[in-house]
Amino acid sequence: MIPLRHALEQGPMIRALAGVARAALSRPRTGAALATPGPWIEEELPPRSGALIRDYVDSAGGDPAWYRGNVPVHLFPQWGFPLALRTLAGLPYPYGRAVNAGCRIDVRRASGKPH
């Protein structure tokens, strides 16, 4: 279990999850025309702390030393999830289905070797 000391770093993720829950309860299902392409969404996001990454890797059964200087690719929801939900905002689709549809990760280059 990741220690509670990392809870404050989870703010964007928690807000995104709350938004999914709120939208699931209140989203009207309309057939309104959608403007495409949608707006450009861009944001510079802060790095997660080394302590959070170490605790995450440790809780997942990994060796934190192997990830020294690298972020595990499977932590991408920390940055991508809130932006993905902003991308879906205003669409007449249930967020829960889009979020739970899954993803595929292709690692094209190893990030490094253990130090």
PDB file of N, CA and C in Angstrom:
ATOM      1  N   MET A   1       0.845  -1.188   0.000  1.00  0.00           N
ATOM      2  CA  MET A   1       0.000   0.000   0.000  1.00  0.00           C
ATOM      3  C   MET A   1       0.882   1.240   0.000  1.00  0.00           C
ATOM      4  N   ILE A   2       0.567   2.190  -0.843  1.00  0.00           N
ATOM      5  CA  ILE A   2       1.345   3.419  -0.914  1.00  0.00           C
ATOM      6  C   ILE A   2       0.968   4.287   0.285  1.00  0.00           C
ATOM      7  N   PRO A   3       1.971   4.813   0.986  1.00  0.00           N
ATOM      8  CA  PRO A   3       1.705   5.611   2.182  1.00  0.00           C
ATOM      9  C   PRO A   3       0.816   6.824   1.904  1.00  0.00           C
ATOM     10  N   LEU A   4       0.050   7.227   2.892  1.00  0.00           N
ATOM     11  CA  LEU A   4      -0.845   8.376   2.765  1.00  0.00           C
ATOM     12  C   LEU A   4      -0.099   9.687   2.551  1.00  0.00           C
ATOM     13  N   ARG A   5       1.203   9.710   2.838  1.00  0.00           N
ATOM     14  CA  ARG A   5       1.950  10.958   2.666  1.00  0.00           C
ATOM     15  C   ARG A   5       1.940  11.404   1.204  1.00  0.00           C
ATOM     16  N   HIS A   6       1.585  10.525   0.303  1.00  0.00           N
ATOM     17  CA  HIS A   6       1.546  10.872  -1.116  1.00  0.00           C
ATOM     18  C   HIS A   6       0.160  11.360  -1.556  1.00  0.00           C
ATOM     19  N   ALA A   7      -0.766  11.433  -0.650  1.00  0.00           N
ATOM     20  CA  ALA A   7      -2.143  11.797  -1.010  1.00  0.00           C
ATOM     21  C   ALA A   7      -2.224  13.167  -1.681  1.00  0.00           C
ATOM     22  N   LEU A   8      -1.458  14.130  -1.217  1.00  0.00           N
ATOM     23  CA  LEU A   8      -1.525  15.465  -1.803  1.00  0.00           C
ATOM     24  C   LEU A   8      -1.032  15.478  -3.249  1.00  0.00           C
ATOM     25  N   GLU A   9      -0.107  14.590  -3.587  1.00  0.00           N
ATOM     26  CA  GLU A   9       0.357  14.503  -4.971  1.00  0.00           C
ATOM     27  C   GLU A   9      -0.698  13.914  -5.890  1.00  0.00           C
ATOM     28  N   GLN A  10      -1.713  13.314  -5.333  1.00  0.00           N
ATOM     29  CA  GLN A  10      -2.751  12.659  -6.116  1.00  0.00           C
ATOM     30  C   GLN A  10      -3.889  13.596  -6.472  1.00  0.00           C
ATOM     31  N   GLY A  11      -3.767  14.874  -6.144  1.00  0.00           N
ATOM     32  CA  GLY A  11      -4.838  15.839  -6.379  1.00  0.00           C
ATOM     33  C   GLY A  11      -5.425  15.795  -7.782  1.00  0.00           C
ATOM     34  N   PRO A  12      -4.601  15.904  -8.839  1.00  0.00           N
ATOM     35  CA  PRO A  12      -5.175  15.877 -10.191  1.00  0.00           C
ATOM     36  C   PRO A  12      -5.917  14.582 -10.489  1.00  0.00           C
ATOM     37  N   MET A  13      -5.392  13.483 -10.031  1.00  0.00           N
ATOM     38  CA  MET A  13      -6.026  12.190 -10.280  1.00  0.00           C
ATOM     39  C   MET A  13      -7.346  12.075  -9.509  1.00  0.00           C
ATOM     40  N   ILE A  14      -7.345  12.501  -8.258  1.00  0.00           N
ATOM     41  CA  ILE A  14      -8.557  12.442  -7.439  1.00  0.00           C
ATOM     42  C   ILE A  14      -9.635  13.348  -8.025  1.00  0.00           C
ATOM     43  N   ARG A  15      -9.244  14.560  -8.461  1.00  0.00           N
ATOM     44  CA  ARG A  15     -10.222  15.464  -9.079  1.00  0.00           C
ATOM     45  C   ARG A  15     -10.785  14.849 -10.363  1.00  0.00           C
ATOM     46  N   ALA A  16      -9.931  14.194 -11.140  1.00  0.00           N
ATOM     47  CA  ALA A  16     -10.404  13.564 -12.375  1.00  0.00           C
ATOM     48  C   ALA A  16     -11.397  12.442 -12.064  1.00  0.00           C
ATOM     49  N   LEU A  17     -11.091  11.619 -11.074  1.00  0.00           N
ATOM     50  CA  LEU A  17     -12.008  10.541 -10.702  1.00  0.00           C
ATOM     51  C   LEU A  17     -13.331  11.094 -10.175  1.00  0.00           C
ATOM     52  N   ALA A  18     -13.262  12.163  -9.400  1.00  0.00           N
ATOM     53  CA  ALA A  18     -14.489  12.797  -8.909  1.00  0.00           C
ATOM     54  C   ALA A  18     -15.300  13.334 -10.079  1.00  0.00           C
ATOM     55  N   GLY A  19     -14.618  13.868 -11.094  1.00  0.00           N
ATOM     56  CA  GLY A  19     -15.312  14.359 -12.281  1.00  0.00           C
ATOM     57  C   GLY A  19     -16.015  13.249 -13.030  1.00  0.00           C
ATOM     58  N   VAL A  20     -15.384  12.082 -13.108  1.00  0.00           N
ATOM     59  CA  VAL A  20     -16.017  10.925 -13.756  1.00  0.00           C
ATOM     60  C   VAL A  20     -17.278  10.541 -13.001  1.00  0.00           C
ATOM     61  N   ALA A  21     -17.188  10.490 -11.684  1.00  0.00           N
ATOM     62  CA  ALA A  21     -18.351  10.122 -10.875  1.00  0.00           C
ATOM     63  C   ALA A  21     -19.464  11.155 -11.027  1.00  0.00           C
ATOM     64  N   ARG A  22     -19.102  12.424 -10.983  1.00  0.00           N
ATOM     65  CA  ARG A  22     -20.095  13.500 -11.120  1.00  0.00           C
ATOM     66  C   ARG A  22     -20.759  13.431 -12.498  1.00  0.00           C
ATOM     67  N   ALA A  23     -19.959  13.221 -13.535  1.00  0.00           N
ATOM     68  CA  ALA A  23     -20.506  13.162 -14.888  1.00  0.00           C
ATOM     69  C   ALA A  23     -21.419  11.954 -15.061  1.00  0.00           C
ATOM     70  N   ALA A  24     -21.063  10.847 -14.429  1.00  0.00           N
ATOM     71  CA  ALA A  24     -21.896   9.644 -14.532  1.00  0.00           C
ATOM     72  C   ALA A  24     -23.267   9.877 -13.928  1.00  0.00           C
ATOM     73  N   LEU A  25     -23.326  10.710 -12.915  1.00  0.00           N
ATOM     74  CA  LEU A  25     -24.599  10.980 -12.255  1.00  0.00           C
ATOM     75  C   LEU A  25     -25.425  12.043 -12.968  1.00  0.00           C
ATOM     76  N   SER A  26     -24.764  12.945 -13.701  1.00  0.00           N
ATOM     77  CA  SER A  26     -25.504  14.084 -14.225  1.00  0.00           C
ATOM     78  C   SER A  26     -25.438  14.274 -15.731  1.00  0.00           C
ATOM     79  N   ARG A  27     -24.696  13.477 -16.447  1.00  0.00           N
ATOM     80  CA  ARG A  27     -24.503  13.703 -17.885  1.00  0.00           C
ATOM     81  C   ARG A  27     -25.788  13.445 -18.660  1.00  0.00           C
ATOM     82  N   PRO A  28     -26.290  14.491 -19.336  1.00  0.00           N
ATOM     83  CA  PRO A  28     -27.450  14.273 -20.196  1.00  0.00           C
ATOM     84  C   PRO A  28     -27.024  13.540 -21.461  1.00  0.00           C
ATOM     85  N   ARG A  29     -27.818  12.634 -21.924  1.00  0.00           N
ATOM     86  CA  ARG A  29     -27.532  11.871 -23.141  1.00  0.00           C
ATOM     87  C   ARG A  29     -28.222  12.565 -24.312  1.00  0.00           C
ATOM     88  N   THR A  30     -27.496  13.426 -24.983  1.00  0.00           N
ATOM     89  CA  THR A  30     -28.088  14.141 -26.107  1.00  0.00           C
ATOM     90  C   THR A  30     -27.405  13.717 -27.395  1.00  0.00           C
ATOM     91  N   GLY A  31     -28.058  13.951 -28.479  1.00  0.00           N
ATOM     92  CA  GLY A  31     -27.505  13.645 -29.790  1.00  0.00           C
ATOM     93  C   GLY A  31     -27.011  14.910 -30.475  1.00  0.00           C
ATOM     94  N   ALA A  32     -26.583  15.901 -29.715  1.00  0.00           N
ATOM     95  CA  ALA A  32     -26.128  17.170 -30.274  1.00  0.00           C
ATOM     96  C   ALA A  32     -24.920  16.957 -31.180  1.00  0.00           C
ATOM     97  N   ALA A  33     -24.837  17.768 -32.220  1.00  0.00           N
ATOM     98  CA  ALA A  33     -23.701  17.696 -33.142  1.00  0.00           C
ATOM     99  C   ALA A  33     -22.426  18.119 -32.418  1.00  0.00           C
ATOM    100  N   LEU A  34     -21.354  17.443 -32.725  1.00  0.00           N
ATOM    101  CA  LEU A  34     -20.074  17.747 -32.103  1.00  0.00           C
ATOM    102  C   LEU A  34     -19.219  18.533 -33.072  1.00  0.00           C
ATOM    103  N   ALA A  35     -18.527  19.537 -32.543  1.00  0.00           N
ATOM    104  CA  ALA A  35     -17.609  20.325 -33.363  1.00  0.00           C
ATOM    105  C   ALA A  35     -16.279  19.588 -33.428  1.00  0.00           C
ATOM    106  N   THR A  36     -15.832  19.305 -34.643  1.00  0.00           N
ATOM    107  CA  THR A  36     -14.542  18.645 -34.788  1.00  0.00           C
ATOM    108  C   THR A  36     -13.665  19.474 -35.717  1.00  0.00           C
ATOM    109  N   PRO A  37     -12.410  19.570 -35.499  1.00  0.00           N
ATOM    110  CA  PRO A  37     -11.743  18.975 -34.337  1.00  0.00           C
ATOM    111  C   PRO A  37     -12.070  19.771 -33.082  1.00  0.00           C
ATOM    112  N   GLY A  38     -11.899  19.129 -31.954  1.00  0.00           N
ATOM    113  CA  GLY A  38     -12.134  19.790 -30.675  1.00  0.00           C
ATOM    114  C   GLY A  38     -10.996  20.748 -30.355  1.00  0.00           C
ATOM    115  N   PRO A  39     -11.076  21.372 -29.201  1.00  0.00           N
ATOM    116  CA  PRO A  39     -10.026  22.318 -28.821  1.00  0.00           C
ATOM    117  C   PRO A  39      -8.703  21.609 -28.548  1.00  0.00           C
ATOM    118  N   TRP A  40      -7.614  22.305 -28.761  1.00  0.00           N
ATOM    119  CA  TRP A  40      -6.281  21.790 -28.451  1.00  0.00           C
ATOM    120  C   TRP A  40      -6.116  21.823 -26.938  1.00  0.00           C
ATOM    121  N   ILE A  41      -5.704  20.726 -26.376  1.00  0.00           N
ATOM    122  CA  ILE A  41      -5.500  20.654 -24.925  1.00  0.00           C
ATOM    123  C   ILE A  41      -4.030  20.377 -24.673  1.00  0.00           C
ATOM    124  N   GLU A  42      -3.418  21.267 -23.934  1.00  0.00           N
ATOM    125  CA  GLU A  42      -1.995  21.134 -23.632  1.00  0.00           C
ATOM    126  C   GLU A  42      -1.759  21.633 -22.220  1.00  0.00           C
ATOM    127  N   GLU A  43      -0.909  20.934 -21.511  1.00  0.00           N
ATOM    128  CA  GLU A  43      -0.622  21.340 -20.138  1.00  0.00           C
ATOM    129  C   GLU A  43       0.776  20.856 -19.759  1.00  0.00           C
ATOM    130  N   GLU A  44       1.502  21.700 -19.070  1.00  0.00           N
ATOM    131  CA  GLU A  44       2.798  21.290 -18.542  1.00  0.00           C
ATOM    132  C   GLU A  44       2.558  20.778 -17.136  1.00  0.00           C
ATOM    133  N   LEU A  45       2.915  19.547 -16.915  1.00  0.00           N
ATOM    134  CA  LEU A  45       2.605  18.898 -15.643  1.00  0.00           C
ATOM    135  C   LEU A  45       3.876  18.683 -14.835  1.00  0.00           C
ATOM    136  N   PRO A  46       3.782  18.841 -13.531  1.00  0.00           N
ATOM    137  CA  PRO A  46       4.960  18.668 -12.687  1.00  0.00           C
ATOM    138  C   PRO A  46       5.322  17.193 -12.536  1.00  0.00           C
ATOM    139  N   PRO A  47       6.597  16.925 -12.311  1.00  0.00           N
ATOM    140  CA  PRO A  47       6.991  15.531 -12.077  1.00  0.00           C
ATOM    141  C   PRO A  47       6.467  15.050 -10.734  1.00  0.00           C
ATOM    142  N   ARG A  48       6.269  13.766 -10.614  1.00  0.00           N
ATOM    143  CA  ARG A  48       5.918  13.183  -9.322  1.00  0.00           C
ATOM    144  C   ARG A  48       7.209  13.015  -8.532  1.00  0.00           C
ATOM    145  N   SER A  49       7.080  13.017  -7.244  1.00  0.00           N
ATOM    146  CA  SER A  49       8.268  12.954  -6.391  1.00  0.00           C
ATOM    147  C   SER A  49       8.957  11.597  -6.505  1.00  0.00           C
ATOM    148  N   GLY A  50      10.261  11.617  -6.278  1.00  0.00           N
ATOM    149  CA  GLY A  50      11.018  10.371  -6.260  1.00  0.00           C
ATOM    150  C   GLY A  50      10.493   9.420  -5.209  1.00  0.00           C
ATOM    151  N   ALA A  51      10.046   9.966  -4.075  1.00  0.00           N
ATOM    152  CA  ALA A  51       9.514   9.124  -2.997  1.00  0.00           C
ATOM    153  C   ALA A  51       8.245   8.405  -3.451  1.00  0.00           C
ATOM    154  N   LEU A  52       7.366   9.111  -4.169  1.00  0.00           N
ATOM    155  CA  LEU A  52       6.140   8.480  -4.669  1.00  0.00           C
ATOM    156  C   LEU A  52       6.494   7.358  -5.639  1.00  0.00           C
ATOM    157  N   ILE A  53       7.411   7.627  -6.547  1.00  0.00           N
ATOM    158  CA  ILE A  53       7.784   6.612  -7.532  1.00  0.00           C
ATOM    159  C   ILE A  53       8.423   5.406  -6.850  1.00  0.00           C
ATOM    160  N   ARG A  54       9.319   5.647  -5.898  1.00  0.00           N
ATOM    161  CA  ARG A  54       9.943   4.528  -5.173  1.00  0.00           C
ATOM    162  C   ARG A  54       8.904   3.707  -4.435  1.00  0.00           C
ATOM    163  N   ASP A  55       7.990   4.376  -3.725  1.00  0.00           N
ATOM    164  CA  ASP A  55       6.964   3.649  -2.972  1.00  0.00           C
ATOM    165  C   ASP A  55       6.023   2.893  -3.901  1.00  0.00           C
ATOM    166  N   TYR A  56       5.716   3.486  -5.033  1.00  0.00           N
ATOM    167  CA  TYR A  56       4.853   2.813  -6.013  1.00  0.00           C
ATOM    168  C   TYR A  56       5.525   1.539  -6.524  1.00  0.00           C
ATOM    169  N   VAL A  57       6.773   1.670  -6.954  1.00  0.00           N
ATOM    170  CA  VAL A  57       7.501   0.510  -7.486  1.00  0.00           C
ATOM    171  C   VAL A  57       7.620  -0.567  -6.417  1.00  0.00           C
ATOM    172  N   ASP A  58       7.938  -0.165  -5.202  1.00  0.00           N
ATOM    173  CA  ASP A  58       8.062  -1.116  -4.101  1.00  0.00           C
ATOM    174  C   ASP A  58       6.740  -1.831  -3.850  1.00  0.00           C
ATOM    175  N   SER A  59       5.629  -1.072  -3.856  1.00  0.00           N
ATOM    176  CA  SER A  59       4.325  -1.692  -3.583  1.00  0.00           C
ATOM    177  C   SER A  59       3.889  -2.617  -4.715  1.00  0.00           C
ATOM    178  N   ALA A  60       4.411  -2.379  -5.933  1.00  0.00           N
ATOM    179  CA  ALA A  60       4.084  -3.241  -7.062  1.00  0.00           C
ATOM    180  C   ALA A  60       5.010  -4.454  -7.142  1.00  0.00           C
ATOM    181  N   GLY A  61       5.940  -4.567  -6.179  1.00  0.00           N
ATOM    182  CA  GLY A  61       6.835  -5.708  -6.139  1.00  0.00           C
ATOM    183  C   GLY A  61       8.095  -5.543  -6.963  1.00  0.00           C
ATOM    184  N   GLY A  62       8.345  -4.310  -7.430  1.00  0.00           N
ATOM    185  CA  GLY A  62       9.539  -4.059  -8.232  1.00  0.00           C
ATOM    186  C   GLY A  62      10.717  -3.640  -7.374  1.00  0.00           C
ATOM    187  N   ASP A  63      11.841  -3.464  -8.019  1.00  0.00           N
ATOM    188  CA  ASP A  63      13.061  -3.012  -7.366  1.00  0.00           C
ATOM    189  C   ASP A  63      13.239  -1.529  -7.660  1.00  0.00           C
ATOM    190  N   PRO A  64      13.041  -0.658  -6.669  1.00  0.00           N
ATOM    191  CA  PRO A  64      13.175   0.777  -6.916  1.00  0.00           C
ATOM    192  C   PRO A  64      14.527   1.163  -7.512  1.00  0.00           C
ATOM    193  N   ALA A  65      15.582   0.410  -7.222  1.00  0.00           N
ATOM    194  CA  ALA A  65      16.901   0.730  -7.776  1.00  0.00           C
ATOM    195  C   ALA A  65      16.906   0.609  -9.298  1.00  0.00           C
ATOM    196  N   TRP A  66      16.113  -0.301  -9.841  1.00  0.00           N
ATOM    197  CA  TRP A  66      16.079  -0.464 -11.289  1.00  0.00           C
ATOM    198  C   TRP A  66      15.495   0.763 -11.969  1.00  0.00           C
ATOM    199  N   TYR A  67      14.590   1.458 -11.277  1.00  0.00           N
ATOM    200  CA  TYR A  67      13.921   2.624 -11.850  1.00  0.00           C
ATOM    201  C   TYR A  67      14.600   3.939 -11.496  1.00  0.00           C
ATOM    202  N   ARG A  68      15.736   3.897 -10.855  1.00  0.00           N
ATOM    203  CA  ARG A  68      16.421   5.137 -10.480  1.00  0.00           C
ATOM    204  C   ARG A  68      16.623   5.992 -11.722  1.00  0.00           C
ATOM    205  N   GLY A  69      16.107   7.209 -11.680  1.00  0.00           N
ATOM    206  CA  GLY A  69      16.222   8.116 -12.815  1.00  0.00           C
ATOM    207  C   GLY A  69      15.186   7.898 -13.901  1.00  0.00           C
ATOM    208  N   ASN A  70      14.282   6.946 -13.714  1.00  0.00           N
ATOM    209  CA  ASN A  70      13.248   6.634 -14.703  1.00  0.00           C
ATOM    210  C   ASN A  70      11.890   6.524 -14.022  1.00  0.00           C
ATOM    211  N   VAL A  71      10.871   6.849 -14.772  1.00  0.00           N
ATOM    212  CA  VAL A  71       9.507   6.708 -14.280  1.00  0.00           C
ATOM    213  C   VAL A  71       8.911   5.457 -14.921  1.00  0.00           C
ATOM    214  N   PRO A  72       8.323   4.557 -14.124  1.00  0.00           N
ATOM    215  CA  PRO A  72       7.691   3.374 -14.722  1.00  0.00           C
ATOM    216  C   PRO A  72       6.609   3.802 -15.719  1.00  0.00           C
ATOM    217  N   VAL A  73       6.634   3.210 -16.889  1.00  0.00           N
ATOM    218  CA  VAL A  73       5.693   3.592 -17.938  1.00  0.00           C
ATOM    219  C   VAL A  73       4.247   3.405 -17.487  1.00  0.00           C
ATOM    220  N   HIS A  74       3.998   2.439 -16.599  1.00  0.00           N
ATOM    221  CA  HIS A  74       2.624   2.186 -16.167  1.00  0.00           C
ATOM    222  C   HIS A  74       2.119   3.228 -15.175  1.00  0.00           C
ATOM    223  N   LEU A  75       2.914   4.263 -14.906  1.00  0.00           N
ATOM    224  CA  LEU A  75       2.425   5.386 -14.105  1.00  0.00           C
ATOM    225  C   LEU A  75       1.818   6.478 -14.995  1.00  0.00           C
ATOM    226  N   PHE A  76       1.700   6.220 -16.302  1.00  0.00           N
ATOM    227  CA  PHE A  76       1.191   7.247 -17.198  1.00  0.00           C
ATOM    228  C   PHE A  76      -0.172   7.810 -16.802  1.00  0.00           C
ATOM    229  N   PRO A  77      -1.063   7.051 -16.142  1.00  0.00           N
ATOM    230  CA  PRO A  77      -2.339   7.661 -15.758  1.00  0.00           C
ATOM    231  C   PRO A  77      -2.177   8.869 -14.836  1.00  0.00           C
ATOM    232  N   GLN A  78      -1.066   8.947 -14.109  1.00  0.00           N
ATOM    233  CA  GLN A  78      -0.846  10.096 -13.231  1.00  0.00           C
ATOM    234  C   GLN A  78      -0.893  11.399 -14.020  1.00  0.00           C
ATOM    235  N   TRP A  79      -0.450  11.370 -15.249  1.00  0.00           N
ATOM    236  CA  TRP A  79      -0.465  12.569 -16.088  1.00  0.00           C
ATOM    237  C   TRP A  79      -1.569  12.507 -17.131  1.00  0.00           C
ATOM    238  N   GLY A  80      -1.748  11.365 -17.729  1.00  0.00           N
ATOM    239  CA  GLY A  80      -2.656  11.249 -18.860  1.00  0.00           C
ATOM    240  C   GLY A  80      -4.128  11.230 -18.521  1.00  0.00           C
ATOM    241  N   PHE A  81      -4.488  10.658 -17.390  1.00  0.00           N
ATOM    242  CA  PHE A  81      -5.901  10.491 -17.050  1.00  0.00           C
ATOM    243  C   PHE A  81      -6.637  11.831 -16.925  1.00  0.00           C
ATOM    244  N   PRO A  82      -6.117  12.784 -16.162  1.00  0.00           N
ATOM    245  CA  PRO A  82      -6.830  14.065 -16.077  1.00  0.00           C
ATOM    246  C   PRO A  82      -6.965  14.755 -17.434  1.00  0.00           C
ATOM    247  N   LEU A  83      -5.931  14.667 -18.275  1.00  0.00           N
ATOM    248  CA  LEU A  83      -6.008  15.293 -19.595  1.00  0.00           C
ATOM    249  C   LEU A  83      -6.985  14.549 -20.507  1.00  0.00           C
ATOM    250  N   ALA A  84      -7.005  13.240 -20.405  1.00  0.00           N
ATOM    251  CA  ALA A  84      -7.949  12.466 -21.215  1.00  0.00           C
ATOM    252  C   ALA A  84      -9.383  12.842 -20.860  1.00  0.00           C
ATOM    253  N   LEU A  85      -9.660  13.034 -19.588  1.00  0.00           N
ATOM    254  CA  LEU A  85     -11.020  13.406 -19.190  1.00  0.00           C
ATOM    255  C   LEU A  85     -11.374  14.806 -19.665  1.00  0.00           C
ATOM    256  N   ARG A  86     -10.395  15.708 -19.698  1.00  0.00           N
ATOM    257  CA  ARG A  86     -10.662  17.034 -20.259  1.00  0.00           C
ATOM    258  C   ARG A  86     -10.969  16.920 -21.751  1.00  0.00           C
ATOM    259  N   THR A  87     -10.314  15.998 -22.421  1.00  0.00           N
ATOM    260  CA  THR A  87     -10.560  15.776 -23.841  1.00  0.00           C
ATOM    261  C   THR A  87     -11.987  15.271 -24.060  1.00  0.00           C
ATOM    262  N   LEU A  88     -12.467  14.438 -23.164  1.00  0.00           N
ATOM    263  CA  LEU A  88     -13.811  13.866 -23.297  1.00  0.00           C
ATOM    264  C   LEU A  88     -14.926  14.812 -22.837  1.00  0.00           C
ATOM    265  N   ALA A  89     -14.559  15.888 -22.165  1.00  0.00           N
ATOM    266  CA  ALA A  89     -15.565  16.813 -21.630  1.00  0.00           C
ATOM    267  C   ALA A  89     -16.476  17.308 -22.755  1.00  0.00           C
ATOM    268  N   GLY A  90     -17.759  17.288 -22.494  1.00  0.00           N
ATOM    269  CA  GLY A  90     -18.733  17.778 -23.456  1.00  0.00           C
ATOM    270  C   GLY A  90     -19.218  16.737 -24.451  1.00  0.00           C
ATOM    271  N   LEU A  91     -18.589  15.573 -24.459  1.00  0.00           N
ATOM    272  CA  LEU A  91     -19.044  14.524 -25.368  1.00  0.00           C
ATOM    273  C   LEU A  91     -20.210  13.769 -24.730  1.00  0.00           C
ATOM    274  N   PRO A  92     -21.147  13.317 -25.528  1.00  0.00           N
ATOM    275  CA  PRO A  92     -22.313  12.624 -24.967  1.00  0.00           C
ATOM    276  C   PRO A  92     -22.064  11.133 -24.735  1.00  0.00           C
ATOM    277  N   TYR A  93     -20.869  10.801 -24.307  1.00  0.00           N
ATOM    278  CA  TYR A  93     -20.525   9.408 -24.047  1.00  0.00           C
ATOM    279  C   TYR A  93     -20.248   9.227 -22.565  1.00  0.00           C
ATOM    280  N   PRO A  94     -20.553   8.074 -22.020  1.00  0.00           N
ATOM    281  CA  PRO A  94     -20.273   7.843 -20.596  1.00  0.00           C
ATOM    282  C   PRO A  94     -18.763   7.732 -20.346  1.00  0.00           C
ATOM    283  N   TYR A  95     -18.266   8.591 -19.475  1.00  0.00           N
ATOM    284  CA  TYR A  95     -16.839   8.588 -19.148  1.00  0.00           C
ATOM    285  C   TYR A  95     -16.381   7.221 -18.659  1.00  0.00           C
ATOM    286  N   GLY A  96     -17.188   6.601 -17.817  1.00  0.00           N
ATOM    287  CA  GLY A  96     -16.802   5.323 -17.228  1.00  0.00           C
ATOM    288  C   GLY A  96     -16.464   4.275 -18.271  1.00  0.00           C
ATOM    289  N   ARG A  97     -17.206   4.252 -19.369  1.00  0.00           N
ATOM    290  CA  ARG A  97     -16.926   3.275 -20.425  1.00  0.00           C
ATOM    291  C   ARG A  97     -15.653   3.632 -21.170  1.00  0.00           C
ATOM    292  N   ALA A  98     -15.443   4.911 -21.405  1.00  0.00           N
ATOM    293  CA  ALA A  98     -14.228   5.336 -22.114  1.00  0.00           C
ATOM    294  C   ALA A  98     -12.992   5.085 -21.262  1.00  0.00           C
ATOM    295  N   VAL A  99     -13.077   5.401 -19.994  1.00  0.00           N
ATOM    296  CA  VAL A  99     -11.939   5.239 -19.090  1.00  0.00           C
ATOM    297  C   VAL A  99     -11.599   3.769 -18.902  1.00  0.00           C
ATOM    298  N   ASN A 100     -12.596   2.925 -18.830  1.00  0.00           N
ATOM    299  CA  ASN A 100     -12.362   1.508 -18.596  1.00  0.00           C
ATOM    300  C   ASN A 100     -12.187   0.701 -19.874  1.00  0.00           C
ATOM    301  N   ALA A 101     -12.086   1.362 -21.006  1.00  0.00           N
ATOM    302  CA  ALA A 101     -11.935   0.654 -22.272  1.00  0.00           C
ATOM    303  C   ALA A 101     -10.554   0.020 -22.403  1.00  0.00           C
ATOM    304  N   GLY A 102      -9.605   0.489 -21.626  1.00  0.00           N
ATOM    305  CA  GLY A 102      -8.269  -0.099 -21.653  1.00  0.00           C
ATOM    306  C   GLY A 102      -7.303   0.703 -22.489  1.00  0.00           C
ATOM    307  N   CYS A 103      -6.103   0.239 -22.519  1.00  0.00           N
ATOM    308  CA  CYS A 103      -5.072   0.908 -23.284  1.00  0.00           C
ATOM    309  C   CYS A 103      -4.009  -0.104 -23.675  1.00  0.00           C
ATOM    310  N   ARG A 104      -3.131   0.312 -24.529  1.00  0.00           N
ATOM    311  CA  ARG A 104      -2.010  -0.513 -24.928  1.00  0.00           C
ATOM    312  C   ARG A 104      -0.762   0.338 -24.810  1.00  0.00           C
ATOM    313  N   ILE A 105       0.266  -0.204 -24.224  1.00  0.00           N
ATOM    314  CA  ILE A 105       1.517   0.521 -24.062  1.00  0.00           C
ATOM    315  C   ILE A 105       2.586  -0.190 -24.877  1.00  0.00           C
ATOM    316  N   ASP A 106       3.209   0.538 -25.779  1.00  0.00           N
ATOM    317  CA  ASP A 106       4.335   0.012 -26.541  1.00  0.00           C
ATOM    318  C   ASP A 106       5.596   0.729 -26.059  1.00  0.00           C
ATOM    319  N   VAL A 107       6.504   0.004 -25.483  1.00  0.00           N
ATOM    320  CA  VAL A 107       7.786   0.579 -25.068  1.00  0.00           C
ATOM    321  C   VAL A 107       8.744   0.313 -26.208  1.00  0.00           C
ATOM    322  N   ARG A 108       9.151   1.350 -26.880  1.00  0.00           N
ATOM    323  CA  ARG A 108       9.981   1.221 -28.070  1.00  0.00           C
ATOM    324  C   ARG A 108      11.470   1.230 -27.762  1.00  0.00           C
ATOM    325  N   ARG A 109      11.808   1.656 -26.567  1.00  0.00           N
ATOM    326  CA  ARG A 109      13.209   1.730 -26.181  1.00  0.00           C
ATOM    327  C   ARG A 109      13.279   1.550 -24.686  1.00  0.00           C
ATOM    328  N   ALA A 110      14.185   0.707 -24.244  1.00  0.00           N
ATOM    329  CA  ALA A 110      14.368   0.514 -22.796  1.00  0.00           C
ATOM    330  C   ALA A 110      14.851   1.844 -22.210  1.00  0.00           C
ATOM    331  N   SER A 111      14.362   2.168 -21.036  1.00  0.00           N
ATOM    332  CA  SER A 111      14.701   3.448 -20.429  1.00  0.00           C
ATOM    333  C   SER A 111      16.059   3.436 -19.752  1.00  0.00           C
ATOM    334  N   GLY A 112      16.655   2.321 -19.598  1.00  0.00           N
ATOM    335  CA  GLY A 112      17.960   2.279 -18.965  1.00  0.00           C
ATOM    336  C   GLY A 112      18.173   0.980 -18.234  1.00  0.00           C
ATOM    337  N   LYS A 113      19.314   0.857 -17.649  1.00  0.00           N
ATOM    338  CA  LYS A 113      19.675  -0.339 -16.896  1.00  0.00           C
ATOM    339  C   LYS A 113      19.778   0.016 -15.420  1.00  0.00           C
ATOM    340  N   PRO A 114      19.682  -0.963 -14.555  1.00  0.00           N
ATOM    341  CA  PRO A 114      19.822  -0.685 -13.119  1.00  0.00           C
ATOM    342  C   PRO A 114      21.175  -0.039 -12.839  1.00  0.00           C
ATOM    343  N   HIS A 115      21.161   0.857 -11.864  1.00  0.00           N
ATOM    344  CA  HIS A 115      22.408   1.521 -11.468  1.00  0.00           C
ATOM    345  C   HIS A 115      23.065   0.754 -10.358  1.00  0.00           C
TER     346      HIS A 115
END
